[in-house]
Amino acid sequence: MLVEFYRLLSSNSSFAKRLIWKNWYQLISKKNRLPNFTFMNYGFINGINPTLDKFDESNRVFIQLYDKVLSKVSIQNKKVLEVGSGRGGGANYVAKYLKPKELIGIDISLNAVQLCNNNNQLENLNFKFGDSENIPFSENEFDVVYNIESSHCYGSRKKFTSEVCRVLKNTGYFCWADLCTVNELEEVVQFVKENNFKIIYSENITLNVLKALDEITETKETAINNFVPKIIRSTFKDFAGVKNTRVYNSFNTGQLEYHHLVAQK
């Protein structure tokens, strides 16, 4: 169901796409307030494991995706923006371990922003409501902007990329990772180049994401069976990339891929 839903959104109007995804994430944030449900990404495994404290170890697979995406730049003592901060787990890891001077996470879901701010205990991290296509900050404000597994929900990746360029300082970095079709990846690369970014790193990380999905499938499936109403469980499982769902299988067949790139302004 989700693959067809994904294709529908990809071919639908920008307004409809934004509206549907926004309401979907609002629902997830409102209905799922479990304190240990702080990550929504598909995870990453490549054998290079960051050192984590005991509290964060249970989220290692998800954290490793953030570690991978930001591994090509230094953000220590920098001003950093996460676009699409979701439930805040990734931003919490980045602020706690990678030591930016200031990290701001923005999300289009007010429920998610409120949840993140209620759970946040770090001085260098805060969350606010913000639209990826109209980022609520001034020009040349951030040293690094990153965006993980979120841009497929946007009405216009072109507008989003332009906004990232606007708020980044000269020589600043844009770190991106997401699921996409081959044609969509070509569009992302085109938009990045149109905004005078130089791509300094690009990698297809689909196999690493699939390894992570294999490892966390049982945990995800158990949580969905326990906390999600039966009538929408199959949709949640597709959304979560549970093994043998249509999204998972689309990674295996090449219909969908997962890519990571880093660009410098």
C-alpha atoms as a PDB file:
ATOM      1  CA  MET A   1       0.000   0.000   0.000  1.00  0.00           C
ATOM      2  CA  LEU A   2       2.712   2.498   0.944  1.00  0.00           C
ATOM      3  CA  VAL A   3       4.649   2.050  -2.308  1.00  0.00           C
ATOM      4  CA  GLU A   4       1.518   2.930  -4.281  1.00  0.00           C
ATOM      5  CA  PHE A   5       0.864   5.759  -1.812  1.00  0.00           C
ATOM      6  CA  TYR A   6       4.444   6.953  -2.288  1.00  0.00           C
ATOM      7  CA  ARG A   7       4.079   6.914  -6.063  1.00  0.00           C
ATOM      8  CA  LEU A   8       0.761   8.749  -5.833  1.00  0.00           C
ATOM      9  CA  LEU A   9       2.319  11.486  -3.752  1.00  0.00           C
ATOM     10  CA  SER A  10       5.294  11.726  -6.096  1.00  0.00           C
ATOM     11  CA  SER A  11       3.030  12.354  -9.071  1.00  0.00           C
ATOM     12  CA  ASN A  12       0.383  14.416  -7.281  1.00  0.00           C
ATOM     13  CA  SER A  13       0.255  18.157  -6.768  1.00  0.00           C
ATOM     14  CA  SER A  14       2.746  19.715  -4.368  1.00  0.00           C
ATOM     15  CA  PHE A  15      -0.085  21.000  -2.192  1.00  0.00           C
ATOM     16  CA  ALA A  16      -1.754  17.597  -1.842  1.00  0.00           C
ATOM     17  CA  LYS A  17       1.553  15.867  -1.137  1.00  0.00           C
ATOM     18  CA  ARG A  18       2.477  18.329   1.619  1.00  0.00           C
ATOM     19  CA  LEU A  19      -0.985  18.184   3.172  1.00  0.00           C
ATOM     20  CA  ILE A  20      -1.197  14.392   3.289  1.00  0.00           C
ATOM     21  CA  TRP A  21       2.274  13.898   4.767  1.00  0.00           C
ATOM     22  CA  LYS A  22       1.818  16.715   7.278  1.00  0.00           C
ATOM     23  CA  ASN A  23      -1.415  15.184   8.584  1.00  0.00           C
ATOM     24  CA  TRP A  24       0.185  11.727   8.671  1.00  0.00           C
ATOM     25  CA  TYR A  25       3.060  12.924  10.858  1.00  0.00           C
ATOM     26  CA  GLN A  26       0.715  14.937  13.048  1.00  0.00           C
ATOM     27  CA  LEU A  27      -1.264  11.749  13.674  1.00  0.00           C
ATOM     28  CA  ILE A  28       1.853   9.708  14.483  1.00  0.00           C
ATOM     29  CA  SER A  29       3.119  12.333  16.927  1.00  0.00           C
ATOM     30  CA  LYS A  30      -0.254  12.678  18.627  1.00  0.00           C
ATOM     31  CA  LYS A  31      -1.020   8.975  18.946  1.00  0.00           C
ATOM     32  CA  ASN A  32       2.463   7.699  19.760  1.00  0.00           C
ATOM     33  CA  ARG A  33       3.895   9.484  22.786  1.00  0.00           C
ATOM     34  CA  LEU A  34       5.928   6.597  24.132  1.00  0.00           C
ATOM     35  CA  PRO A  35       9.160   8.015  25.596  1.00  0.00           C
ATOM     36  CA  ASN A  36      11.355   5.401  23.896  1.00  0.00           C
ATOM     37  CA  PHE A  37       9.879   6.041  20.436  1.00  0.00           C
ATOM     38  CA  THR A  38      12.229   8.854  19.424  1.00  0.00           C
ATOM     39  CA  PHE A  39      13.497   7.632  16.035  1.00  0.00           C
ATOM     40  CA  MET A  40      11.594   7.065  12.805  1.00  0.00           C
ATOM     41  CA  ASN A  41      14.408   6.391  10.310  1.00  0.00           C
ATOM     42  CA  TYR A  42      15.296   3.050   8.688  1.00  0.00           C
ATOM     43  CA  GLY A  43      18.732   2.786  10.299  1.00  0.00           C
ATOM     44  CA  PHE A  44      22.207   2.034   8.955  1.00  0.00           C
ATOM     45  CA  ILE A  45      24.811  -0.714   9.464  1.00  0.00           C
ATOM     46  CA  ASN A  46      28.358  -0.699   8.073  1.00  0.00           C
ATOM     47  CA  GLY A  47      30.544  -2.081  10.854  1.00  0.00           C
ATOM     48  CA  ILE A  48      31.771   1.340  12.036  1.00  0.00           C
ATOM     49  CA  ASN A  49      30.113   1.826  15.398  1.00  0.00           C
ATOM     50  CA  PRO A  50      30.102   5.107  17.322  1.00  0.00           C
ATOM     51  CA  THR A  51      30.686   4.887  21.075  1.00  0.00           C
ATOM     52  CA  LEU A  52      27.391   5.301  22.904  1.00  0.00           C
ATOM     53  CA  ASP A  53      26.394   5.368  26.533  1.00  0.00           C
ATOM     54  CA  LYS A  54      24.090   2.712  27.958  1.00  0.00           C
ATOM     55  CA  PHE A  55      20.979   4.875  27.602  1.00  0.00           C
ATOM     56  CA  ASP A  56      21.467   5.349  23.844  1.00  0.00           C
ATOM     57  CA  GLU A  57      22.647   1.832  22.992  1.00  0.00           C
ATOM     58  CA  SER A  58      19.138   0.532  22.306  1.00  0.00           C
ATOM     59  CA  ASN A  59      18.830   3.050  19.440  1.00  0.00           C
ATOM     60  CA  ARG A  60      22.231   2.290  17.918  1.00  0.00           C
ATOM     61  CA  VAL A  61      20.978   1.218  14.484  1.00  0.00           C
ATOM     62  CA  PHE A  62      19.016   4.459  14.056  1.00  0.00           C
ATOM     63  CA  ILE A  63      21.813   6.624  15.464  1.00  0.00           C
ATOM     64  CA  GLN A  64      24.306   5.125  13.030  1.00  0.00           C
ATOM     65  CA  LEU A  65      22.395   6.674  10.121  1.00  0.00           C
ATOM     66  CA  TYR A  66      22.925  10.139  11.631  1.00  0.00           C
ATOM     67  CA  ASP A  67      26.545   9.328  12.321  1.00  0.00           C
ATOM     68  CA  LYS A  68      27.009   8.256   8.703  1.00  0.00           C
ATOM     69  CA  VAL A  69      25.321  11.301   7.176  1.00  0.00           C
ATOM     70  CA  LEU A  70      27.392  13.748   9.242  1.00  0.00           C
ATOM     71  CA  SER A  71      30.647  11.788   9.087  1.00  0.00           C
ATOM     72  CA  LYS A  72      32.145  13.877   6.253  1.00  0.00           C
ATOM     73  CA  VAL A  73      31.978  17.237   8.056  1.00  0.00           C
ATOM     74  CA  SER A  74      32.893  18.573  11.484  1.00  0.00           C
ATOM     75  CA  ILE A  75      30.058  20.261  13.332  1.00  0.00           C
ATOM     76  CA  GLN A  76      31.794  20.833  16.672  1.00  0.00           C
ATOM     77  CA  ASN A  77      31.182  24.407  17.879  1.00  0.00           C
ATOM     78  CA  LYS A  78      29.130  25.129  14.714  1.00  0.00           C
ATOM     79  CA  LYS A  79      25.603  26.403  14.294  1.00  0.00           C
ATOM     80  CA  VAL A  80      23.569  23.557  12.808  1.00  0.00           C
ATOM     81  CA  LEU A  81      20.037  23.115  11.476  1.00  0.00           C
ATOM     82  CA  GLU A  82      18.113  19.858  11.096  1.00  0.00           C
ATOM     83  CA  VAL A  83      15.195  20.116   8.676  1.00  0.00           C
ATOM     84  CA  GLY A  84      12.592  17.470   9.464  1.00  0.00           C
ATOM     85  CA  SER A  85      13.559  16.704  13.061  1.00  0.00           C
ATOM     86  CA  GLY A  86      10.655  14.301  13.651  1.00  0.00           C
ATOM     87  CA  ARG A  87      10.577  12.911  17.182  1.00  0.00           C
ATOM     88  CA  GLY A  88      13.955  14.393  18.064  1.00  0.00           C
ATOM     89  CA  GLY A  89      16.091  11.308  18.640  1.00  0.00           C
ATOM     90  CA  GLY A  90      18.556  12.139  15.899  1.00  0.00           C
ATOM     91  CA  ALA A  91      18.955  15.770  16.949  1.00  0.00           C
ATOM     92  CA  ASN A  92      19.476  14.640  20.535  1.00  0.00           C
ATOM     93  CA  TYR A  93      22.307  12.330  19.437  1.00  0.00           C
ATOM     94  CA  VAL A  94      23.937  15.032  17.305  1.00  0.00           C
ATOM     95  CA  ALA A  95      23.735  17.683  20.037  1.00  0.00           C
ATOM     96  CA  LYS A  96      24.974  15.334  22.747  1.00  0.00           C
ATOM     97  CA  TYR A  97      27.816  13.534  20.952  1.00  0.00           C
ATOM     98  CA  LEU A  98      28.945  15.743  18.048  1.00  0.00           C
ATOM     99  CA  LYS A  99      28.973  18.939  20.148  1.00  0.00           C
ATOM    100  CA  PRO A 100      27.621  21.710  17.921  1.00  0.00           C
ATOM    101  CA  LYS A 101      27.529  25.147  19.513  1.00  0.00           C
ATOM    102  CA  GLU A 102      23.811  25.295  18.704  1.00  0.00           C
ATOM    103  CA  LEU A 103      21.464  22.845  17.018  1.00  0.00           C
ATOM    104  CA  ILE A 104      17.936  23.782  15.974  1.00  0.00           C
ATOM    105  CA  GLY A 105      15.503  21.172  14.704  1.00  0.00           C
ATOM    106  CA  ILE A 106      12.502  22.269  12.668  1.00  0.00           C
ATOM    107  CA  ASP A 107       9.465  20.218  11.716  1.00  0.00           C
ATOM    108  CA  ILE A 108       6.129  20.905  10.065  1.00  0.00           C
ATOM    109  CA  SER A 109       4.281  18.876  12.716  1.00  0.00           C
ATOM    110  CA  LEU A 110       3.403  21.022  15.733  1.00  0.00           C
ATOM    111  CA  ASN A 111       2.698  17.871  17.736  1.00  0.00           C
ATOM    112  CA  ALA A 112       6.221  16.617  17.041  1.00  0.00           C
ATOM    113  CA  VAL A 113       7.820  19.964  17.936  1.00  0.00           C
ATOM    114  CA  GLN A 114       5.945  20.128  21.244  1.00  0.00           C
ATOM    115  CA  LEU A 115       6.884  16.533  22.027  1.00  0.00           C
ATOM    116  CA  CYS A 116      10.566  17.190  21.280  1.00  0.00           C
ATOM    117  CA  ASN A 117      10.751  20.337  23.381  1.00  0.00           C
ATOM    118  CA  ASN A 118       9.026  18.594  26.291  1.00  0.00           C
ATOM    119  CA  ASN A 119      11.570  15.762  26.168  1.00  0.00           C
ATOM    120  CA  ASN A 120      14.689  17.835  25.492  1.00  0.00           C
ATOM    121  CA  GLN A 121      17.204  18.327  28.317  1.00  0.00           C
ATOM    122  CA  LEU A 122      20.187  19.719  26.369  1.00  0.00           C
ATOM    123  CA  GLU A 123      21.229  23.370  26.463  1.00  0.00           C
ATOM    124  CA  ASN A 124      22.554  23.433  22.899  1.00  0.00           C
ATOM    125  CA  LEU A 125      19.377  21.967  21.378  1.00  0.00           C
ATOM    126  CA  ASN A 126      15.893  23.301  20.748  1.00  0.00           C
ATOM    127  CA  PHE A 127      13.036  22.663  18.352  1.00  0.00           C
ATOM    128  CA  LYS A 128      10.630  24.950  16.544  1.00  0.00           C
ATOM    129  CA  PHE A 129       7.893  24.784  13.964  1.00  0.00           C
ATOM    130  CA  GLY A 130       9.202  25.312  10.454  1.00  0.00           C
ATOM    131  CA  ASP A 131       8.410  24.609   6.821  1.00  0.00           C
ATOM    132  CA  SER A 132      11.118  22.986   4.696  1.00  0.00           C
ATOM    133  CA  GLU A 133      10.092  25.150   1.746  1.00  0.00           C
ATOM    134  CA  ASN A 134      10.054  28.369   3.762  1.00  0.00           C
ATOM    135  CA  ILE A 135      12.755  27.901   6.413  1.00  0.00           C
ATOM    136  CA  PRO A 136      12.138  30.468   9.187  1.00  0.00           C
ATOM    137  CA  PHE A 137      15.682  31.859   9.448  1.00  0.00           C
ATOM    138  CA  SER A 138      17.779  34.598   7.890  1.00  0.00           C
ATOM    139  CA  GLU A 139      20.259  34.256   5.062  1.00  0.00           C
ATOM    140  CA  ASN A 140      23.746  32.904   5.786  1.00  0.00           C
ATOM    141  CA  GLU A 141      22.856  31.790   9.323  1.00  0.00           C
ATOM    142  CA  PHE A 142      24.026  28.158   9.571  1.00  0.00           C
ATOM    143  CA  ASP A 143      27.334  26.364   9.136  1.00  0.00           C
ATOM    144  CA  VAL A 144      25.673  23.000   8.429  1.00  0.00           C
ATOM    145  CA  VAL A 145      22.159  21.957   7.386  1.00  0.00           C
ATOM    146  CA  TYR A 146      21.235  18.278   7.405  1.00  0.00           C
ATOM    147  CA  ASN A 147      18.124  16.423   6.308  1.00  0.00           C
ATOM    148  CA  ILE A 148      17.549  12.704   6.847  1.00  0.00           C
ATOM    149  CA  GLU A 149      14.726  10.575   5.449  1.00  0.00           C
ATOM    150  CA  SER A 150      12.357  13.488   5.169  1.00  0.00           C
ATOM    151  CA  SER A 151      12.567  15.178   1.762  1.00  0.00           C
ATOM    152  CA  HIS A 152      10.398  12.559   0.038  1.00  0.00           C
ATOM    153  CA  CYS A 153       7.492  14.115   1.956  1.00  0.00           C
ATOM    154  CA  TYR A 154       8.024  17.636   0.608  1.00  0.00           C
ATOM    155  CA  GLY A 155       5.898  19.293  -2.027  1.00  0.00           C
ATOM    156  CA  SER A 156       8.979  20.612  -3.815  1.00  0.00           C
ATOM    157  CA  ARG A 157      12.526  19.396  -3.291  1.00  0.00           C
ATOM    158  CA  LYS A 158      13.597  22.254  -5.570  1.00  0.00           C
ATOM    159  CA  LYS A 159      12.186  24.893  -3.191  1.00  0.00           C
ATOM    160  CA  PHE A 160      13.666  23.036  -0.235  1.00  0.00           C
ATOM    161  CA  THR A 161      17.145  22.965  -1.782  1.00  0.00           C
ATOM    162  CA  SER A 162      16.927  26.666  -2.594  1.00  0.00           C
ATOM    163  CA  GLU A 163      15.969  27.421   1.013  1.00  0.00           C
ATOM    164  CA  VAL A 164      18.888  25.360   2.326  1.00  0.00           C
ATOM    165  CA  CYS A 165      21.237  27.378   0.129  1.00  0.00           C
ATOM    166  CA  ARG A 166      19.738  30.632   1.398  1.00  0.00           C
ATOM    167  CA  VAL A 167      20.199  29.905   5.110  1.00  0.00           C
ATOM    168  CA  LEU A 168      23.671  28.360   4.756  1.00  0.00           C
ATOM    169  CA  LYS A 169      26.795  30.453   5.197  1.00  0.00           C
ATOM    170  CA  ASN A 170      29.285  30.624   2.342  1.00  0.00           C
ATOM    171  CA  THR A 171      31.336  27.386   2.334  1.00  0.00           C
ATOM    172  CA  GLY A 172      28.653  25.804   4.561  1.00  0.00           C
ATOM    173  CA  TYR A 173      27.649  22.146   4.161  1.00  0.00           C
ATOM    174  CA  PHE A 174      24.414  20.422   3.213  1.00  0.00           C
ATOM    175  CA  CYS A 175      24.210  16.765   4.332  1.00  0.00           C
ATOM    176  CA  TRP A 176      21.308  14.754   2.906  1.00  0.00           C
ATOM    177  CA  ALA A 177      20.023  11.173   2.922  1.00  0.00           C
ATOM    178  CA  ASP A 178      16.714   9.736   1.765  1.00  0.00           C
ATOM    179  CA  LEU A 179      14.870   7.018  -0.094  1.00  0.00           C
ATOM    180  CA  CYS A 180      14.123   7.820  -3.721  1.00  0.00           C
ATOM    181  CA  THR A 181      13.788   6.442  -7.209  1.00  0.00           C
ATOM    182  CA  VAL A 182      16.694   6.786  -9.649  1.00  0.00           C
ATOM    183  CA  ASN A 183      14.888   9.637 -11.436  1.00  0.00           C
ATOM    184  CA  GLU A 184      14.310  11.454  -8.152  1.00  0.00           C
ATOM    185  CA  LEU A 185      17.988  11.181  -7.273  1.00  0.00           C
ATOM    186  CA  GLU A 186      18.854  12.800 -10.607  1.00  0.00           C
ATOM    187  CA  GLU A 187      16.469  15.645  -9.727  1.00  0.00           C
ATOM    188  CA  VAL A 188      18.086  16.131  -6.315  1.00  0.00           C
ATOM    189  CA  VAL A 189      21.538  16.313  -7.893  1.00  0.00           C
ATOM    190  CA  GLN A 190      20.231  18.785 -10.473  1.00  0.00           C
ATOM    191  CA  PHE A 191      18.654  21.029  -7.819  1.00  0.00           C
ATOM    192  CA  VAL A 192      21.825  20.977  -5.737  1.00  0.00           C
ATOM    193  CA  LYS A 193      23.951  22.013  -8.723  1.00  0.00           C
ATOM    194  CA  GLU A 194      21.469  24.702  -9.772  1.00  0.00           C
ATOM    195  CA  ASN A 195      21.996  26.328  -6.368  1.00  0.00           C
ATOM    196  CA  ASN A 196      25.761  26.398  -6.945  1.00  0.00           C
ATOM    197  CA  PHE A 197      26.542  23.650  -4.472  1.00  0.00           C
ATOM    198  CA  LYS A 198      29.551  21.461  -5.124  1.00  0.00           C
ATOM    199  CA  ILE A 199      28.879  17.780  -4.400  1.00  0.00           C
ATOM    200  CA  ILE A 200      31.832  16.496  -2.389  1.00  0.00           C
ATOM    201  CA  TYR A 201      30.477  13.046  -1.511  1.00  0.00           C
ATOM    202  CA  SER A 202      27.772  10.746  -2.857  1.00  0.00           C
ATOM    203  CA  GLU A 203      26.950   7.123  -2.038  1.00  0.00           C
ATOM    204  CA  ASN A 204      24.202   4.581  -2.572  1.00  0.00           C
ATOM    205  CA  ILE A 205      23.687   3.143   0.925  1.00  0.00           C
ATOM    206  CA  THR A 206      20.676   0.917   0.158  1.00  0.00           C
ATOM    207  CA  LEU A 207      22.392  -2.312   1.225  1.00  0.00           C
ATOM    208  CA  ASN A 208      23.446  -0.783   4.560  1.00  0.00           C
ATOM    209  CA  VAL A 209      19.876   0.358   5.187  1.00  0.00           C
ATOM    210  CA  LEU A 210      18.505  -3.087   4.310  1.00  0.00           C
ATOM    211  CA  LYS A 211      20.888  -4.681   6.830  1.00  0.00           C
ATOM    212  CA  ALA A 212      19.514  -2.336   9.469  1.00  0.00           C
ATOM    213  CA  LEU A 213      15.914  -3.102   8.525  1.00  0.00           C
ATOM    214  CA  ASP A 214      16.671  -6.819   8.838  1.00  0.00           C
ATOM    215  CA  GLU A 215      18.091  -6.316  12.326  1.00  0.00           C
ATOM    216  CA  ILE A 216      15.261  -4.182  13.691  1.00  0.00           C
ATOM    217  CA  THR A 217      12.292  -5.798  11.911  1.00  0.00           C
ATOM    218  CA  GLU A 218      11.247  -7.949  14.877  1.00  0.00           C
ATOM    219  CA  THR A 219      11.382  -5.009  17.300  1.00  0.00           C
ATOM    220  CA  LYS A 220       9.376  -2.770  14.978  1.00  0.00           C
ATOM    221  CA  GLU A 221       6.799  -5.430  14.224  1.00  0.00           C
ATOM    222  CA  THR A 222       6.282  -6.217  17.906  1.00  0.00           C
ATOM    223  CA  ALA A 223       5.812  -2.535  18.759  1.00  0.00           C
ATOM    224  CA  ILE A 224       3.319  -2.048  15.928  1.00  0.00           C
ATOM    225  CA  ASN A 225       1.344  -5.147  16.933  1.00  0.00           C
ATOM    226  CA  ASN A 226       1.210  -3.955  20.540  1.00  0.00           C
ATOM    227  CA  PHE A 227       0.385  -0.284  20.051  1.00  0.00           C
ATOM    228  CA  VAL A 228      -1.203   0.255  16.628  1.00  0.00           C
ATOM    229  CA  PRO A 229      -4.878  -0.536  15.912  1.00  0.00           C
ATOM    230  CA  LYS A 230      -5.223  -3.662  13.802  1.00  0.00           C
ATOM    231  CA  ILE A 231      -7.018  -1.868  10.969  1.00  0.00           C
ATOM    232  CA  ILE A 232      -3.936   0.227  10.093  1.00  0.00           C
ATOM    233  CA  ARG A 233      -1.110  -2.098  11.173  1.00  0.00           C
ATOM    234  CA  SER A 234      -0.198  -3.125   7.635  1.00  0.00           C
ATOM    235  CA  THR A 235       0.184   0.525   6.626  1.00  0.00           C
ATOM    236  CA  PHE A 236       2.389   1.214   9.633  1.00  0.00           C
ATOM    237  CA  LYS A 237       4.522  -1.821   8.825  1.00  0.00           C
ATOM    238  CA  ASP A 238       5.014  -0.611   5.255  1.00  0.00           C
ATOM    239  CA  PHE A 239       5.816   2.879   6.538  1.00  0.00           C
ATOM    240  CA  ALA A 240       8.367   1.412   8.975  1.00  0.00           C
ATOM    241  CA  GLY A 241      10.043  -0.735   6.314  1.00  0.00           C
ATOM    242  CA  VAL A 242       9.355  -4.013   8.118  1.00  0.00           C
ATOM    243  CA  LYS A 243      10.897  -7.004   6.327  1.00  0.00           C
ATOM    244  CA  ASN A 244       8.845  -8.391   3.410  1.00  0.00           C
ATOM    245  CA  THR A 245       6.570  -5.363   3.207  1.00  0.00           C
ATOM    246  CA  ARG A 246       6.297  -3.642  -0.164  1.00  0.00           C
ATOM    247  CA  VAL A 247       8.682  -0.814   0.717  1.00  0.00           C
ATOM    248  CA  TYR A 248      11.290  -3.278   1.977  1.00  0.00           C
ATOM    249  CA  ASN A 249      10.904  -5.416  -1.133  1.00  0.00           C
ATOM    250  CA  SER A 250      11.176  -2.324  -3.354  1.00  0.00           C
ATOM    251  CA  PHE A 251      14.663  -1.730  -1.957  1.00  0.00           C
ATOM    252  CA  ASN A 252      15.562  -5.325  -2.856  1.00  0.00           C
ATOM    253  CA  THR A 253      14.275  -5.009  -6.433  1.00  0.00           C
ATOM    254  CA  GLY A 254      15.773  -1.573  -7.069  1.00  0.00           C
ATOM    255  CA  GLN A 255      12.450   0.236  -7.420  1.00  0.00           C
ATOM    256  CA  LEU A 256      13.546   2.347  -4.483  1.00  0.00           C
ATOM    257  CA  GLU A 257      17.094   3.228  -3.416  1.00  0.00           C
ATOM    258  CA  TYR A 258      18.583   5.000  -0.418  1.00  0.00           C
ATOM    259  CA  HIS A 259      21.199   7.672  -1.135  1.00  0.00           C
ATOM    260  CA  HIS A 260      23.509   9.921   0.865  1.00  0.00           C
ATOM    261  CA  LEU A 261      25.232  13.034  -0.425  1.00  0.00           C
ATOM    262  CA  VAL A 262      27.182  15.945   0.999  1.00  0.00           C
ATOM    263  CA  ALA A 263      27.431  19.284  -0.814  1.00  0.00           C
ATOM    264  CA  GLN A 264      29.286  22.501  -0.045  1.00  0.00           C
ATOM    265  CA  LYS A 265      28.016  25.985  -0.844  1.00  0.00           C
END
